[in-house]
């Protein structure tokens, strides 16, 4: 084989492994974490945004989030192998060794937390560490034991804007917890819509999620509607506490009504089409709400 062809053949596995390690971090989830952290930081900034501090915050948060995702895939590699939607991930497919994922996940998680501790603030590092621990050691094992796992998993998912707020302000105030409440409530219908679409897959893997153990769909529908309704009102609080203005208020109201309408649609029909509509609505609701909040910062 000519030398150039040999070099290309050697590069392909290296590139493939790099892509697989990147896949362990679940980049789309990390992007959402970074966006919500950025919004929390921006809203907490009382003067001009400290760009250097923001970059350090995003670096630490992104590394910790990616490392947590990798460690989660390490812990769930056996159940991932039993699910159609996850069996082609790097670990169940055998493209990476479990030990490689463990070392990689621990290393970048530690680097992220160390960056936050030394270059940002101890409070932002603490909030992020709580997110890591609660996700890996509470939410992950609870998924196979109780439908309450969805509520538990919403806690680490709602902490990134709190970490961003802590990084910019150095303290946690009412505004940070309102941001937490918005993300917490948003995650429940979002997660239940995904579980509804793949409930047979989750059931086969032994997960005890609400749509799996609720064949009639009544409890799932009640949970979706109650959390969408609560989100409609909690989503208006940023204006009430002076975090955002009137433009945000009216935009948040419209978004909340539409989101609730999609939740009611799933509760009424119990169809995959309605679940997919709710999922798409959730993916539009959060970024649009955060954008409105940032643009209409009081």
Protein backbone atom coordinates (compact mmCIF):
# COMPACT_ATOMS: atom_id res chain seq x y z
CA UNK A 1 0.00 0.00 0.00
CA UNK A 2 1.44 3.46 -0.88
CA UNK A 3 2.55 5.57 2.07
CA UNK A 4 -0.20 8.19 1.55
CA UNK A 5 -2.91 5.52 1.55
CA UNK A 6 -1.45 4.00 4.72
CA UNK A 7 -1.49 7.41 6.43
CA UNK A 8 -5.11 7.97 5.43
CA UNK A 9 -6.07 4.51 6.69
CA UNK A 10 -4.45 5.28 10.05
CA UNK A 11 -6.18 8.67 10.28
CA UNK A 12 -9.67 7.22 9.76
CA UNK A 13 -9.74 5.19 13.02
CA UNK A 14 -8.27 8.16 14.90
CA UNK A 15 -10.99 10.46 13.54
CA UNK A 16 -13.62 7.83 14.28
CA UNK A 17 -12.47 7.53 17.89
CA UNK A 18 -12.46 11.30 18.28
CA UNK A 19 -16.04 11.43 17.01
CA UNK A 20 -17.01 8.63 19.40
CA UNK A 21 -15.49 10.42 22.40
CA UNK A 22 -17.34 13.57 21.34
CA UNK A 23 -20.57 11.54 21.10
CA UNK A 24 -20.09 10.45 24.72
CA UNK A 25 -20.48 14.09 25.78
CA UNK A 26 -23.88 14.43 24.03
CA UNK A 27 -23.08 17.78 22.35
CA UNK A 28 -26.71 18.85 21.86
CA UNK A 29 -27.41 18.47 25.57
CA UNK A 30 -24.20 20.34 26.41
CA UNK A 31 -25.25 23.14 24.04
CA UNK A 32 -28.54 23.52 25.92
CA UNK A 33 -26.63 23.59 29.22
CA UNK A 34 -24.33 26.30 27.87
CA UNK A 35 -27.21 28.41 26.58
CA UNK A 36 -29.07 28.32 29.89
CA UNK A 37 -25.82 29.05 31.78
CA UNK A 38 -25.16 31.99 29.47
CA UNK A 39 -28.63 33.42 30.06
CA UNK A 40 -28.24 33.09 33.83
CA UNK A 41 -24.86 34.84 33.67
CA UNK A 42 -26.17 37.62 31.42
CA UNK A 43 -29.24 38.30 33.55
CA UNK A 44 -27.13 38.40 36.71
CA UNK A 45 -24.60 40.85 35.24
CA UNK A 46 -25.37 44.24 36.73
CA UNK A 47 -23.07 46.19 34.44
CA UNK A 48 -21.26 45.17 31.26
CA UNK A 49 -20.83 41.43 30.87
CA UNK A 50 -17.35 40.27 31.92
CA UNK A 51 -16.45 38.37 28.74
CA UNK A 52 -13.39 36.65 30.20
CA UNK A 53 -15.28 35.43 33.26
CA UNK A 54 -18.13 34.28 31.01
CA UNK A 55 -15.78 32.22 28.85
CA UNK A 56 -14.24 30.60 31.93
CA UNK A 57 -17.74 29.83 33.22
CA UNK A 58 -18.86 28.28 29.94
CA UNK A 59 -15.65 26.25 29.66
CA UNK A 60 -16.02 24.77 33.14
CA UNK A 61 -19.74 24.18 32.79
CA UNK A 62 -19.36 22.60 29.34
CA UNK A 63 -16.61 20.24 30.48
CA UNK A 64 -18.58 19.19 33.58
CA UNK A 65 -21.76 18.65 31.54
CA UNK A 66 -19.96 16.64 28.85
CA UNK A 67 -18.15 14.56 31.46
CA UNK A 68 -21.40 13.84 33.28
CA UNK A 69 -22.98 12.67 30.02
CA UNK A 70 -20.03 10.37 29.37
CA UNK A 71 -20.21 8.91 32.88
CA UNK A 72 -23.96 8.42 32.48
CA UNK A 73 -23.36 6.41 29.32
CA UNK A 74 -20.74 4.38 31.18
CA UNK A 75 -23.24 3.59 33.95
CA UNK A 76 -26.05 2.76 31.52
CA UNK A 77 -24.04 0.91 28.86
CA UNK A 78 -25.87 -2.36 29.50
CA UNK A 79 -29.39 -0.93 29.26
CA UNK A 80 -28.37 1.18 26.26
CA UNK A 81 -27.54 -2.07 24.51
CA UNK A 82 -31.16 -3.19 24.93
CA UNK A 83 -32.74 -0.06 23.44
CA UNK A 84 -33.10 0.59 19.72
CA UNK A 85 -32.55 4.35 20.13
CA UNK A 86 -29.27 3.93 22.06
CA UNK A 87 -27.70 0.62 21.03
CA UNK A 88 -25.52 2.29 18.39
CA UNK A 89 -23.86 4.59 20.93
CA UNK A 90 -20.08 4.08 21.20
CA UNK A 91 -20.17 1.86 24.31
CA UNK A 92 -23.01 -0.59 23.53
CA UNK A 93 -21.76 -0.83 19.94
CA UNK A 94 -18.28 -1.73 21.19
CA UNK A 95 -16.44 1.15 19.49
CA UNK A 96 -15.06 2.35 22.84
CA UNK A 97 -14.11 0.40 25.95
CA UNK A 98 -15.97 1.08 29.21
CA UNK A 99 -12.67 1.94 30.91
CA UNK A 100 -11.97 4.58 28.26
CA UNK A 101 -15.35 6.20 28.81
CA UNK A 102 -14.89 6.11 32.59
CA UNK A 103 -11.47 7.74 32.53
CA UNK A 104 -12.53 10.29 29.90
CA UNK A 105 -15.71 11.22 31.78
CA UNK A 106 -14.00 11.53 35.15
CA UNK A 107 -11.15 13.59 33.67
CA UNK A 108 -13.20 16.23 31.90
CA UNK A 109 -15.74 16.45 34.74
CA UNK A 110 -12.91 17.08 37.20
CA UNK A 111 -11.31 19.64 34.85
CA UNK A 112 -14.62 21.47 34.53
CA UNK A 113 -15.22 21.63 38.28
CA UNK A 114 -11.60 22.66 38.88
CA UNK A 115 -11.92 25.46 36.31
CA UNK A 116 -15.06 26.76 38.03
CA UNK A 117 -13.49 26.53 41.48
CA UNK A 118 -10.19 28.23 40.63
CA UNK A 119 -11.12 30.60 37.79
CA UNK A 120 -14.77 31.51 38.50
CA UNK A 121 -16.15 31.05 42.02
CA UNK A 122 -16.58 28.38 44.66
CA UNK A 123 -20.36 28.91 44.56
CA UNK A 124 -20.64 28.19 40.83
CA UNK A 125 -18.43 25.12 41.33
CA UNK A 126 -20.64 23.93 44.19
CA UNK A 127 -23.86 24.34 42.18
CA UNK A 128 -22.34 22.45 39.24
CA UNK A 129 -21.00 19.71 41.53
CA UNK A 130 -24.50 19.25 42.99
CA UNK A 131 -25.80 18.91 39.43
CA UNK A 132 -23.20 16.25 38.59
CA UNK A 133 -23.78 14.21 41.75
CA UNK A 134 -27.58 14.36 41.62
CA UNK A 135 -27.63 13.35 37.96
CA UNK A 136 -25.25 10.41 38.25
CA UNK A 137 -26.05 9.03 41.70
CA UNK A 138 -29.73 9.86 42.14
CA UNK A 139 -31.45 10.30 38.79
CA UNK A 140 -29.57 7.62 36.81
CA UNK A 141 -30.22 4.64 39.16
CA UNK A 142 -33.73 5.86 40.04
CA UNK A 143 -34.91 5.53 36.43
CA UNK A 144 -35.05 1.75 36.88
CA UNK A 145 -36.90 1.98 40.21
CA UNK A 146 -39.50 4.76 40.22
CA UNK A 147 -41.35 7.23 37.97
CA UNK A 148 -40.25 9.91 40.45
CA UNK A 149 -36.93 9.84 38.58
CA UNK A 150 -38.31 12.39 36.11
CA UNK A 151 -38.77 14.91 38.94
CA UNK A 152 -35.36 14.09 40.40
CA UNK A 153 -33.71 14.41 36.99
CA UNK A 154 -35.27 17.83 36.49
CA UNK A 155 -33.18 19.19 39.39
CA UNK A 156 -29.72 18.92 37.77
CA UNK A 157 -31.26 19.98 34.48
CA UNK A 158 -32.52 23.20 36.05
CA UNK A 159 -29.26 24.17 37.79
CA UNK A 160 -27.14 25.54 34.86
CA UNK A 161 -28.73 29.04 34.91
CA UNK A 162 -28.28 29.05 38.68
CA UNK A 163 -24.58 28.28 38.17
CA UNK A 164 -24.39 31.07 35.60
CA UNK A 165 -26.05 33.47 38.03
CA UNK A 166 -23.65 32.44 40.80
CA UNK A 167 -20.67 32.96 38.49
CA UNK A 168 -21.68 36.52 37.56
CA UNK A 169 -23.14 37.72 40.86
CA UNK A 170 -21.28 35.65 43.44
CA UNK A 171 -24.52 34.92 45.29
CA UNK A 172 -27.91 33.30 44.76
CA UNK A 173 -31.00 35.47 44.98
CA UNK A 174 -34.71 35.08 44.24
CA UNK A 175 -34.17 35.67 40.53
CA UNK A 176 -31.85 32.67 40.25
CA UNK A 177 -34.43 30.38 41.82
CA UNK A 178 -37.15 31.67 39.49
CA UNK A 179 -34.93 30.65 36.57
CA UNK A 180 -34.49 27.28 38.26
CA UNK A 181 -38.26 26.87 38.65
CA UNK A 182 -38.90 27.67 34.98
CA UNK A 183 -36.41 25.07 33.76
CA UNK A 184 -37.58 22.52 36.32
CA UNK A 185 -41.22 22.77 35.24
CA UNK A 186 -40.33 22.82 31.53
CA UNK A 187 -38.41 19.56 31.75
CA UNK A 188 -41.33 17.44 32.97
CA UNK A 189 -43.57 17.69 29.85
CA UNK A 190 -40.46 17.66 27.67
CA UNK A 191 -39.19 14.41 29.23
CA UNK A 192 -42.63 12.79 29.33
CA UNK A 193 -43.20 13.51 25.64
CA UNK A 194 -39.93 11.74 24.79
CA UNK A 195 -40.77 8.80 27.06
CA UNK A 196 -44.25 8.55 25.53
CA UNK A 197 -42.77 8.23 22.05
CA UNK A 198 -40.28 5.53 23.11
CA UNK A 199 -42.15 3.90 25.99
CA UNK A 200 -41.91 0.39 24.53
CA UNK A 201 -38.16 0.80 24.12
CA UNK A 202 -37.83 2.06 27.70
CA UNK A 203 -40.02 -0.79 28.97
CA UNK A 204 -37.83 -3.36 27.26
CA UNK A 205 -34.78 -1.90 28.99
CA UNK A 206 -36.43 -2.08 32.41
CA UNK A 207 -36.99 1.62 33.02
CA UNK A 208 -39.81 2.49 35.44
CA UNK A 209 -40.76 5.81 33.87
CA UNK A 210 -44.29 7.16 34.17
CA UNK A 211 -45.52 6.47 30.60
CA UNK A 212 -44.10 2.93 30.92
CA UNK A 213 -46.02 1.99 34.08
CA UNK A 214 -49.12 4.01 33.13
CA UNK A 215 -50.63 2.15 30.15
CA UNK A 216 -53.86 4.18 30.25
CA UNK A 217 -51.88 7.42 29.98
CA UNK A 218 -54.08 9.19 32.55
CA UNK A 219 -51.38 9.87 35.13
CA UNK A 220 -48.98 10.94 32.40
CA UNK A 221 -51.57 13.34 30.97
CA UNK A 222 -52.29 14.78 34.42
CA UNK A 223 -48.59 15.35 35.06
CA UNK A 224 -48.09 17.05 31.70
CA UNK A 225 -51.08 19.37 32.09
CA UNK A 226 -50.28 20.27 35.71
CA UNK A 227 -46.66 21.13 34.95
CA UNK A 228 -47.54 23.06 31.77
CA UNK A 229 -50.16 25.02 33.75
CA UNK A 230 -47.68 25.79 36.53
CA UNK A 231 -45.10 26.81 33.94
CA UNK A 232 -47.57 29.22 32.34
CA UNK A 233 -47.75 31.20 35.59
CA UNK A 234 -44.18 30.75 36.84
CA UNK A 235 -42.96 31.85 33.42
CA UNK A 236 -44.50 35.28 34.09
CA UNK A 237 -42.62 35.79 37.38
CA UNK A 238 -39.48 37.36 35.83
CA UNK A 239 -41.56 40.45 35.07
CA UNK A 240 -43.21 40.42 38.51
CA UNK A 241 -39.82 40.41 40.29
CA UNK A 242 -38.23 42.98 38.00
CA UNK A 243 -35.96 40.65 36.07
CA UNK A 244 -37.65 41.28 32.70
CA UNK A 245 -40.06 43.78 31.20
CA UNK A 246 -43.56 43.87 29.71
CA UNK A 247 -42.51 42.59 26.26
CA UNK A 248 -41.25 39.44 27.91
CA UNK A 249 -44.46 39.14 29.94
CA UNK A 250 -46.73 39.05 26.90
CA UNK A 251 -44.37 36.81 24.94
CA UNK A 252 -44.08 34.37 27.85
CA UNK A 253 -47.86 34.29 28.19
CA UNK A 254 -48.36 33.40 24.51
CA UNK A 255 -45.63 30.76 24.61
CA UNK A 256 -47.08 29.28 27.80
CA UNK A 257 -50.59 29.07 26.36
CA UNK A 258 -49.33 27.35 23.20
CA UNK A 259 -47.24 24.90 25.23
CA UNK A 260 -50.19 24.11 27.49
CA UNK A 261 -52.39 23.63 24.42
CA UNK A 262 -49.97 21.04 23.06
CA UNK A 263 -50.00 19.30 26.45
CA UNK A 264 -53.80 19.19 26.43
CA UNK A 265 -53.64 17.81 22.89
CA UNK A 266 -51.54 14.86 24.04
CA UNK A 267 -53.77 14.33 27.08
CA UNK A 268 -56.82 14.20 24.81
CA UNK A 269 -55.58 11.96 22.01
CA UNK A 270 -52.75 9.90 23.58
CA UNK A 271 -51.26 9.70 20.09
CA UNK A 272 -47.65 9.61 18.95
CA UNK A 273 -48.38 12.59 16.69
CA UNK A 274 -49.54 14.67 19.66
CA UNK A 275 -46.49 13.57 21.70
CA UNK A 276 -44.20 14.62 18.88
CA UNK A 277 -46.01 17.97 18.65
CA UNK A 278 -45.51 18.53 22.38
CA UNK A 279 -41.83 17.61 22.08
CA UNK A 280 -41.33 20.08 19.23
CA UNK A 281 -43.22 22.75 21.19
CA UNK A 282 -40.93 22.20 24.19
CA UNK A 283 -37.85 22.58 21.99
CA UNK A 284 -39.19 25.91 20.72
CA UNK A 285 -40.60 27.17 24.01
CA UNK A 286 -37.43 27.27 26.09
CA UNK A 287 -35.00 29.02 23.70
CA UNK A 288 -37.67 31.54 22.69
CA UNK A 289 -38.53 32.27 26.32
CA UNK A 290 -34.86 32.71 27.27
CA UNK A 291 -34.24 34.91 24.25
CA UNK A 292 -37.20 37.11 25.19
CA UNK A 293 -35.92 37.32 28.75
CA UNK A 294 -32.43 38.32 27.63
CA UNK A 295 -33.69 40.91 25.10
CA UNK A 296 -36.15 42.42 27.56
CA UNK A 297 -33.82 42.37 30.58
CA UNK A 298 -35.06 44.97 33.05
